[in-house]
Protein backbone atom coordinates (compact mmCIF):
# COMPACT_ATOMS: atom_id res chain seq x y z
CA MET A 1 0.00 0.00 0.00
CA LEU A 2 1.09 3.56 -0.84
CA SER A 3 1.69 5.98 2.00
CA PHE A 4 -0.37 9.18 2.29
CA LYS A 5 2.59 11.34 1.21
CA ARG A 6 3.21 9.25 -1.89
CA MET A 7 -0.49 9.34 -2.85
CA PHE A 8 -0.46 13.14 -2.40
CA ILE A 9 2.60 13.54 -4.62
CA LEU A 10 1.20 11.29 -7.38
CA LEU A 11 -2.15 13.13 -7.32
CA ALA A 12 -0.40 16.53 -7.58
CA MET A 13 1.65 15.37 -10.54
CA LEU A 14 -1.49 13.98 -12.24
CA LEU A 15 -3.33 17.28 -11.79
CA ILE A 16 -0.40 19.18 -13.23
CA VAL A 17 -0.31 16.91 -16.30
CA VAL A 18 -4.08 17.29 -16.81
CA ALA A 19 -3.76 21.09 -16.54
CA ILE A 20 -1.03 21.09 -19.12
CA LEU A 21 -3.01 18.95 -21.57
CA LEU A 22 -6.10 21.16 -21.23
CA GLY A 23 -3.99 24.23 -21.75
CA LEU A 24 -2.38 22.81 -24.88
CA LEU A 25 -5.75 22.54 -26.59
CA SER A 26 -6.36 26.32 -26.46
CA ILE A 27 -3.03 28.12 -26.60
CA ASP A 28 -0.75 29.49 -29.26
CA GLU A 29 2.99 28.89 -29.62
CA ARG A 30 4.02 31.55 -27.04
CA GLY A 31 1.48 30.26 -24.55
CA LEU A 32 2.75 26.75 -25.13
CA LEU A 33 6.25 27.75 -24.06
CA PHE A 34 4.86 29.42 -20.96
CA TYR A 35 2.92 26.35 -19.94
CA VAL A 36 5.90 24.08 -20.62
CA ALA A 37 8.09 26.28 -18.40
CA GLU A 38 5.42 26.37 -15.71
CA ALA A 39 5.03 22.61 -15.82
CA THR A 40 8.82 22.14 -15.64
CA VAL A 41 9.05 24.34 -12.56
CA ALA A 42 6.17 22.51 -10.87
CA ILE A 43 7.64 19.09 -11.65
CA THR A 44 11.05 20.26 -10.42
CA LEU A 45 9.57 21.49 -7.15
CA VAL A 46 7.75 18.21 -6.66
CA GLY A 47 10.94 16.32 -7.47
CA LEU A 48 12.95 18.43 -5.04
CA TYR A 49 10.38 17.84 -2.33
CA TYR A 50 10.46 14.13 -3.05
CA PHE A 51 14.32 14.19 -3.05
CA TYR A 52 14.33 16.04 0.28
CA GLN A 53 11.98 13.52 1.83
CA LYS A 54 13.80 10.51 0.39
CA VAL A 55 17.44 11.56 0.64
CA VAL A 56 18.16 14.84 2.40
CA LYS A 57 15.93 14.41 5.45
CA PRO A 58 17.22 10.89 6.26
CA VAL A 59 20.79 12.18 5.89
CA TYR A 60 20.02 15.04 8.29
CA MET A 61 18.51 12.58 10.75
CA LEU A 62 21.59 10.38 10.60
CA THR A 63 23.78 13.46 11.03
CA ASP A 64 21.79 14.36 14.14
CA GLY A 65 22.40 10.83 15.37
CA LEU A 66 26.16 11.21 14.87
CA ASP A 67 26.02 14.47 16.84
CA LEU A 68 24.29 12.63 19.68
CA LEU A 69 27.06 10.04 19.67
CA ARG A 70 29.75 12.70 19.55
CA GLU A 71 28.20 14.53 22.50
CA GLN A 72 27.54 11.19 24.27
CA ASP A 73 23.87 12.12 24.64
CA PHE A 74 22.31 8.67 24.91
CA SER A 75 18.98 9.89 26.32
CA SER A 76 17.66 11.54 23.12
CA ARG A 77 16.09 9.58 20.25
CA LEU A 78 15.71 10.09 16.46
CA LYS A 79 12.21 10.51 14.95
CA ARG A 80 10.96 8.22 12.27
CA VAL A 81 10.61 9.80 8.78
CA GLY A 82 7.91 7.54 7.34
CA GLN A 83 10.21 5.62 4.97
CA ARG A 84 10.58 1.91 5.55
CA GLU A 85 14.31 1.60 4.85
CA THR A 86 15.25 4.80 6.68
CA ASP A 87 12.98 4.01 9.63
CA GLN A 88 14.69 0.63 10.00
CA ILE A 89 18.05 2.41 10.30
CA ILE A 90 16.56 4.90 12.77
CA ASP A 91 15.02 2.11 14.88
CA THR A 92 18.35 0.29 14.97
CA PHE A 93 20.13 3.51 15.88
CA ASN A 94 17.64 4.22 18.68
CA ARG A 95 18.09 0.69 20.06
CA MET A 96 21.85 1.25 20.03
CA LEU A 97 21.40 4.53 21.95
CA GLU A 98 19.18 2.74 24.48
CA GLN A 99 21.80 0.01 24.92
CA LEU A 100 24.57 2.60 25.33
CA LYS A 101 22.48 4.45 27.89
CA ASN A 102 21.89 1.27 29.90
CA GLU A 103 25.58 0.34 29.62
CA ARG A 104 26.66 3.78 30.82
CA LEU A 105 24.23 3.56 33.73
CA ARG A 106 25.53 0.11 34.63
CA VAL A 107 29.16 1.30 34.48
CA ARG A 108 28.33 4.34 36.63
CA GLU A 109 26.63 2.13 39.21
CA GLN A 110 29.61 -0.23 39.23
CA ASN A 111 32.06 2.66 39.54
CA HIS A 112 30.04 4.15 42.37
CA PHE A 113 30.00 0.80 44.14
CA LEU A 114 33.76 0.36 43.63
CA ASP A 115 34.45 3.91 44.85
CA LEU A 116 32.34 3.27 47.95
CA LEU A 117 34.01 -0.10 48.52
CA ILE A 118 37.52 1.36 48.17
CA SER A 119 36.75 4.35 50.39
CA VAL A 120 35.61 2.15 53.32
CA SER A 121 38.10 -0.66 52.71
CA PRO A 122 40.58 -1.35 55.55
CA MET A 123 43.16 -2.04 52.84
CA GLY A 124 45.06 0.94 51.49
CA VAL A 125 44.71 1.62 47.76
CA VAL A 126 46.96 4.08 45.90
CA LEU A 127 46.34 4.83 42.21
CA GLN A 128 49.14 5.92 39.90
CA ASP A 129 49.38 7.21 36.36
CA PHE A 130 51.41 5.49 33.64
CA ASP A 131 54.59 7.21 34.87
CA GLY A 132 54.14 6.18 38.50
CA HIS A 133 52.86 9.53 39.82
CA ILE A 134 50.24 9.29 42.56
CA THR A 135 46.77 10.32 41.36
CA ASP A 136 44.53 9.25 44.23
CA MET A 137 44.37 7.19 47.42
CA ASN A 138 41.72 6.01 49.84
CA PRO A 139 41.51 7.00 53.55
CA ALA A 140 43.18 3.75 54.68
CA ALA A 141 46.30 4.43 52.58
CA GLN A 142 46.34 8.02 53.81
CA ARG A 143 46.25 6.75 57.41
CA PHE A 144 48.99 4.15 56.85
CA MET A 145 51.27 6.79 55.35
CA GLY A 146 50.60 9.22 58.20
CA LEU A 147 49.21 12.01 56.01
CA ALA A 148 46.83 14.71 57.16
CA SER A 149 45.68 15.16 53.55
CA ALA A 150 46.15 13.11 50.38
CA GLU A 151 46.72 16.36 48.46
CA GLU A 152 50.18 16.56 50.03
CA ILE A 153 51.60 13.85 47.75
CA LYS A 154 49.38 13.89 44.65
CA GLY A 155 51.46 14.18 41.51
CA LYS A 156 54.56 12.80 43.26
CA GLN A 157 56.33 9.47 42.97
CA PHE A 158 56.92 7.33 46.05
CA LYS A 159 60.68 7.84 45.83
CA GLU A 160 60.08 11.59 46.29
CA ILE A 161 58.25 11.11 49.60
CA GLU A 162 60.36 10.93 52.76
CA THR A 163 58.51 8.35 54.84
CA PRO A 164 59.59 4.79 55.72
CA LEU A 165 56.52 3.23 54.09
CA SER A 166 57.01 5.22 50.86
CA ALA A 167 60.63 4.06 50.64
CA GLU A 168 59.53 0.43 50.95
CA ILE A 169 56.83 0.86 48.29
CA ALA A 170 59.24 2.54 45.88
CA ALA A 171 61.55 -0.49 46.11
CA ILE A 172 58.88 -3.00 45.01
CA PRO A 173 58.97 -3.92 41.29
CA ARG A 174 55.67 -4.09 39.43
CA GLY A 175 53.87 -7.39 39.86
CA ASP A 176 55.65 -8.20 43.14
CA THR A 177 54.30 -8.55 46.71
CA ARG A 178 56.39 -8.10 49.86
CA THR A 179 55.85 -8.09 53.61
CA VAL A 180 57.77 -5.35 55.42
CA ARG A 181 58.22 -4.31 59.03
CA LEU A 182 58.87 -0.65 59.80
CA SER A 183 60.57 1.11 62.68
CA ASP A 184 57.19 1.81 64.31
CA SER A 185 56.59 -1.96 64.70
CA MET A 186 53.96 -1.80 61.95
CA VAL A 187 53.87 -4.75 59.55
CA TYR A 188 52.45 -4.35 56.03
CA ARG A 189 51.94 -6.51 52.98
CA LEU A 190 52.65 -4.34 49.94
CA SER A 191 51.51 -5.31 46.44
CA HIS A 192 52.49 -3.44 43.26
CA LEU A 193 49.85 -4.48 40.71
CA SER A 194 48.21 -3.10 37.56
CA PHE A 195 44.98 -3.22 35.57
CA VAL A 196 44.41 -2.51 31.88
CA ASP A 197 43.02 0.95 31.09
CA ARG A 198 42.62 2.06 27.43
CA GLY A 199 44.91 -0.73 26.36
CA PHE A 200 47.75 0.21 28.76
CA PRO A 201 48.69 -1.27 32.16
CA HIS A 202 47.56 1.14 34.89
CA PRO A 203 49.62 0.66 38.11
CA PHE A 204 48.25 0.74 41.64
CA ILE A 205 49.45 -0.17 45.13
CA LEU A 206 47.66 -2.28 47.75
CA ILE A 207 48.67 -1.78 51.39
CA GLU A 208 47.43 -4.39 53.86
CA SER A 209 48.15 -3.98 57.56
CA LEU A 210 49.24 -7.24 59.22
CA THR A 211 50.32 -5.62 62.47
CA ASN A 212 47.55 -6.96 64.71
CA GLU A 213 47.82 -10.51 63.38
CA VAL A 214 51.63 -10.57 63.61
CA MET A 215 51.68 -9.07 67.10
CA LYS A 216 49.04 -11.48 68.36
CA ALA A 217 51.05 -14.41 66.99
CA GLU A 218 54.30 -13.05 68.44
CA LYS A 219 52.73 -12.37 71.81
CA LYS A 220 51.16 -15.80 71.98
CA ALA A 221 54.51 -17.39 71.09
CA TYR A 222 56.70 -15.48 73.52
CA GLU A 223 54.12 -15.73 76.33
CA LYS A 224 54.22 -19.51 75.97
CA VAL A 225 58.03 -19.57 75.87
CA ILE A 226 58.39 -17.21 78.84
CA ARG A 227 55.90 -19.14 80.98
CA MET A 228 57.59 -22.44 80.16
CA ILE A 229 61.10 -21.07 80.88
CA ALA A 230 59.97 -19.28 84.04
CA HIS A 231 58.31 -22.42 85.36
CA GLU A 232 61.37 -24.60 84.74
CA VAL A 233 63.91 -22.04 85.95
CA ASN A 234 62.02 -21.07 89.11
CA ASN A 235 61.47 -24.70 90.08
CA SER A 236 65.10 -25.52 89.46
CA VAL A 237 66.34 -22.39 91.26
CA ALA A 238 64.16 -23.11 94.27
CA GLY A 239 65.51 -26.65 94.55
CA ILE A 240 69.13 -25.63 93.98
CA THR A 241 69.11 -22.71 96.42
CA SER A 242 67.38 -24.79 99.07
CA THR A 243 69.99 -27.53 98.71
CA LEU A 244 72.87 -25.04 98.75
CA ASP A 245 71.53 -23.36 101.90
CA THR A 246 71.25 -26.73 103.65
CA VAL A 247 74.77 -27.75 102.64
CA SER A 248 76.13 -24.32 103.61
CA GLN A 249 74.60 -24.64 107.07
CA ALA A 250 76.15 -28.07 107.48
CA LEU A 251 79.55 -26.81 106.34
CA ALA A 252 79.34 -23.95 108.83
CA GLU A 253 79.84 -26.50 111.63
CA MET A 254 83.06 -27.78 110.04
CA ASP A 255 86.50 -26.27 110.05
CA ASP A 256 88.29 -24.83 107.01
CA THR A 257 85.09 -24.53 104.91
CA THR A 258 84.98 -20.75 104.64
CA GLU A 259 86.09 -20.55 100.98
CA LEU A 260 83.72 -23.35 100.01
CA ARG A 261 80.82 -21.60 101.70
CA GLU A 262 81.69 -18.33 99.90
CA VAL A 263 81.61 -20.15 96.59
CA MET A 264 78.24 -21.63 97.47
CA ALA A 265 76.95 -18.16 98.42
CA VAL A 266 77.98 -16.88 94.99
CA CYS A 267 76.10 -19.79 93.39
CA VAL A 268 72.98 -18.93 95.40
CA GLU A 269 73.23 -15.28 94.33
CA ARG A 270 73.60 -16.30 90.69
CA CYS A 271 70.52 -18.46 91.00
CA TYR A 272 68.52 -15.51 92.35
CA SER A 273 69.85 -13.32 89.51
CA MET A 274 68.66 -15.90 87.00
CA SER A 275 65.25 -15.94 88.65
CA ASN A 276 65.05 -12.13 88.51
CA PHE A 277 66.14 -12.25 84.87
CA ILE A 278 63.24 -14.53 83.99
CA THR A 279 60.85 -12.49 86.15
CA ARG A 280 61.56 -9.41 84.02
CA PHE A 281 60.38 -11.32 80.95
CA ALA A 282 57.27 -12.49 82.78
CA ASP A 283 56.48 -8.90 83.82
CA VAL A 284 56.17 -7.92 80.14
CA VAL A 285 53.50 -10.57 79.71
CA LYS A 286 51.61 -9.29 82.76
CA ILE A 287 51.35 -5.61 81.81
CA PRO A 288 48.02 -4.45 83.31
CA GLU A 289 45.32 -2.74 81.33
CA PRO A 290 45.83 1.04 81.54
CA GLN A 291 43.58 3.08 83.81
CA LEU A 292 43.04 6.05 81.52
CA GLN A 293 42.65 9.53 82.95
CA GLU A 294 42.81 12.91 81.23
CA VAL A 295 46.19 14.49 81.93
CA ASP A 296 48.04 17.49 80.50
CA LEU A 297 51.02 16.09 78.58
CA ASN A 298 53.20 19.10 79.50
CA THR A 299 52.44 18.61 83.20
CA LEU A 300 53.30 14.91 82.99
CA VAL A 301 56.72 15.74 81.50
CA GLN A 302 57.44 18.41 84.13
CA ASN A 303 56.41 16.09 86.99
CA ASN A 304 58.90 13.45 85.78
CA LEU A 305 61.65 15.91 84.81
CA ARG A 306 63.87 15.22 87.84
CA ILE A 307 63.82 11.47 87.22
CA LEU A 308 64.58 11.94 83.51
CA GLU A 309 67.42 14.37 84.29
CA GLY A 310 68.78 11.85 86.78
CA LEU A 311 69.10 9.30 83.97
CA CYS A 312 71.12 11.80 81.89
CA LEU A 313 73.34 13.13 84.70
CA PRO A 314 75.90 10.26 84.95
CA GLN A 315 76.85 10.74 81.27
CA ASP A 316 76.75 14.55 81.50
CA ILE A 317 74.04 14.57 78.83
CA ARG A 318 71.87 17.68 78.50
CA LEU A 319 68.11 17.26 78.54
CA GLY A 320 66.32 20.08 76.72
CA LEU A 321 62.58 20.82 76.77
CA GLN A 322 60.46 22.38 74.03
CA LEU A 323 56.96 22.23 75.46
CA SER A 324 53.83 23.41 73.71
CA PRO A 325 52.67 26.85 74.95
CA THR A 326 49.11 25.50 75.27
CA PRO A 327 47.89 22.56 77.39
CA LEU A 328 47.77 19.17 75.63
CA PRO A 329 45.06 17.02 77.27
CA VAL A 330 45.52 13.29 76.65
CA LYS A 331 44.01 10.17 78.21
CA ILE A 332 46.77 8.03 79.69
CA ASP A 333 47.73 5.81 82.61
CA THR A 334 50.22 8.13 84.33
CA PRO A 335 52.46 5.48 86.04
CA LEU A 336 52.68 3.31 82.92
CA PHE A 337 53.38 6.25 80.62
CA ALA A 338 55.98 7.65 83.01
CA GLN A 339 57.77 4.28 82.83
CA VAL A 340 57.64 4.49 79.02
CA LEU A 341 59.31 7.93 79.08
CA GLN A 342 62.01 6.65 81.43
CA ASN A 343 62.74 3.67 79.17
CA ILE A 344 62.96 5.90 76.07
CA ILE A 345 65.32 8.36 77.80
CA LYS A 346 67.43 5.47 79.12
CA ASN A 347 67.76 4.02 75.59
CA ALA A 348 68.70 7.46 74.23
CA VAL A 349 71.40 7.85 76.93
CA GLU A 350 72.84 4.42 76.09
CA SER A 351 72.74 5.29 72.37
CA ILE A 352 74.77 8.49 72.95
CA GLY A 353 77.22 6.60 75.18
CA HIS A 354 79.58 9.55 75.77
CA ASP A 355 79.73 12.85 77.57
CA GLY A 356 78.43 15.98 75.92
CA GLY A 357 75.44 14.52 74.13
CA LYS A 358 72.01 16.08 74.02
CA ILE A 359 68.43 14.84 74.28
CA THR A 360 65.51 17.11 73.37
CA LEU A 361 61.98 16.40 74.54
CA THR A 362 59.29 18.18 72.50
CA THR A 363 55.51 18.33 72.80
CA THR A 364 53.27 19.66 70.04
CA SER A 365 49.65 19.80 68.94
CA SER A 366 50.16 19.99 65.15
CA PRO A 367 49.04 18.09 63.19
CA TYR A 368 48.31 15.76 66.13
CA THR A 369 49.04 15.86 69.83
CA ALA A 370 52.48 14.30 70.08
CA ILE A 371 55.61 13.93 72.20
CA GLU A 372 59.01 13.44 70.58
CA ILE A 373 62.33 12.47 72.14
CA ALA A 374 65.31 13.26 69.87
CA ASP A 375 68.94 12.35 70.58
CA ASN A 376 72.26 12.77 68.77
CA GLY A 377 73.43 9.22 69.45
CA ARG A 378 74.97 6.74 67.05
CA GLY A 379 71.69 6.24 65.17
CA ILE A 380 69.82 3.26 63.76
CA ASN A 381 70.51 1.74 60.34
CA ARG A 382 67.77 0.51 57.98
CA GLU A 383 68.41 -3.15 58.76
CA THR A 384 68.05 -2.56 62.49
CA GLU A 385 64.91 -0.45 62.01
CA GLN A 386 63.03 -3.46 60.65
CA LYS A 387 63.89 -5.52 63.75
CA LEU A 388 62.95 -2.97 66.40
CA PHE A 389 60.04 -3.83 68.70
CA THR A 390 60.40 -7.55 67.95
CA PRO A 391 60.64 -9.94 70.91
CA PHE A 392 64.12 -10.57 72.36
CA PHE A 393 65.89 -8.32 69.83
CA SER A 394 68.48 -5.90 71.20
CA THR A 395 71.47 -4.02 69.81
CA LYS A 396 73.22 -4.11 73.21
CA PRO A 397 75.68 -6.94 73.88
CA ASP A 398 73.98 -7.72 77.21
CA GLY A 399 70.49 -6.59 76.20
CA GLN A 400 67.41 -8.73 76.73
CA GLY A 401 65.12 -7.09 74.16
CA ILE A 402 62.52 -6.28 76.82
CA GLY A 403 62.54 -2.47 76.97
CA LEU A 404 61.11 -1.78 73.51
CA ILE A 405 58.60 -4.62 73.86
CA PHE A 406 57.35 -3.04 77.11
CA ILE A 407 57.12 0.35 75.38
CA ARG A 408 55.28 -1.17 72.41
CA GLU A 409 52.73 -2.99 74.56
CA VAL A 410 51.96 0.05 76.72
CA LEU A 411 51.61 2.43 73.76
CA LEU A 412 49.38 0.00 71.85
CA LYS A 413 47.17 -0.34 74.92
CA HIS A 414 46.90 3.48 74.91
CA GLY A 415 45.92 3.51 71.22
CA CYS A 416 48.96 5.59 70.26
CA THR A 417 50.93 5.47 67.03
CA PHE A 418 54.70 5.66 67.34
CA SER A 419 57.92 5.49 65.36
CA LEU A 420 61.63 5.21 66.07
CA ARG A 421 64.11 6.04 63.34
CA THR A 422 67.21 8.04 62.50
CA TRP A 423 66.52 10.96 60.15
CA PRO A 424 68.83 12.45 57.49
CA ASP A 425 69.82 15.26 59.92
CA GLY A 426 71.49 12.62 62.11
CA LEU A 427 68.98 12.79 64.98
CA THR A 428 67.19 9.69 66.21
CA ARG A 429 63.58 10.49 67.04
CA PHE A 430 61.08 8.48 69.07
CA ARG A 431 57.70 10.05 68.24
CA ILE A 432 54.41 9.19 69.96
CA GLU A 433 51.11 10.53 68.58
CA TRP A 434 47.50 10.58 69.72
CA LYS A 435 45.21 10.59 66.66
């Protein structure tokens, strides 16, 4: 069946032909030329209209469709033109736009879900461009790297950032995964991976904190070892000292046994020293839960200043203070935290090891409330940094590896973050923060 437009065009052409034939019957030669010209113009107009409807209009519609694609406007649709072939193309084009719209919506929903998932993930995620510059990171990565704002390092490479974690990340080749332990006793699994974006590998970093799991495993292991050793040693010491006392009393009634009894007394004293040695390990296991009270950090330092100065005095080491001009309220267990300060100062004194050294104790509120103890001792190398705060590790020839473990346990119970490392200026800083 013919469409209405086609019937209209055919009827118009028929009327024009009839008019021409009627005119030919009653005109002269000049009139004939006029009618022929008039008929030619009319037929041309009809042909142009038909050409516009058949060719030009469909082309315009397709051009509009290309504009929609170029502008990525997938919500608009093309109108049908009343021609079967052209309308089939338009219908196909509209279905393609609908599919693109649904695909874009699906991708947006997926991206929104992934953004939400990454933002709340406990695992740190750092995105990089093709040259390794940082483009974005989630809050977990920002927290692991100790940044107040991610804007601080955007556009930089990890090797340009002066933090222990950044140095470890920069050393990982693409496609590799490593587990590292930093000088703040934090343990991380670092993965340098990539995904394909526009046909190119797009690098990113995953940072997974293993600190809690590792510390729980370590604590469980050394608690078991300490309890077992303490049980065996104390039982043995009790039996040995009891026997030595009995023998010593018997020898006291004999002549010429003075030297032998002195030797036995030394053995008894050594047994008690061994028992005390083991007891110190057991005390680390039995650290009580802190009784937190709000205290001014500056006041705490000033109240313990005489004790801290007493630790420095034998080596003629100066203890300097740089306290915040404003109060710094923190929730701490005062006796436990005072013991932590004493242990840190004692370690700093032993690190300096000579007269004329200096220790500076600083409190600050920016960007977080913090206390920092800096010394100009011999420093800590990178290899030693990774072993700090691990059970039974010590750099001292006669060290037991207990002091830093005690400090670690107390600070973790207080919810503090901390770090111990030697900086490029040569100062070793023990920094404790309340976040």
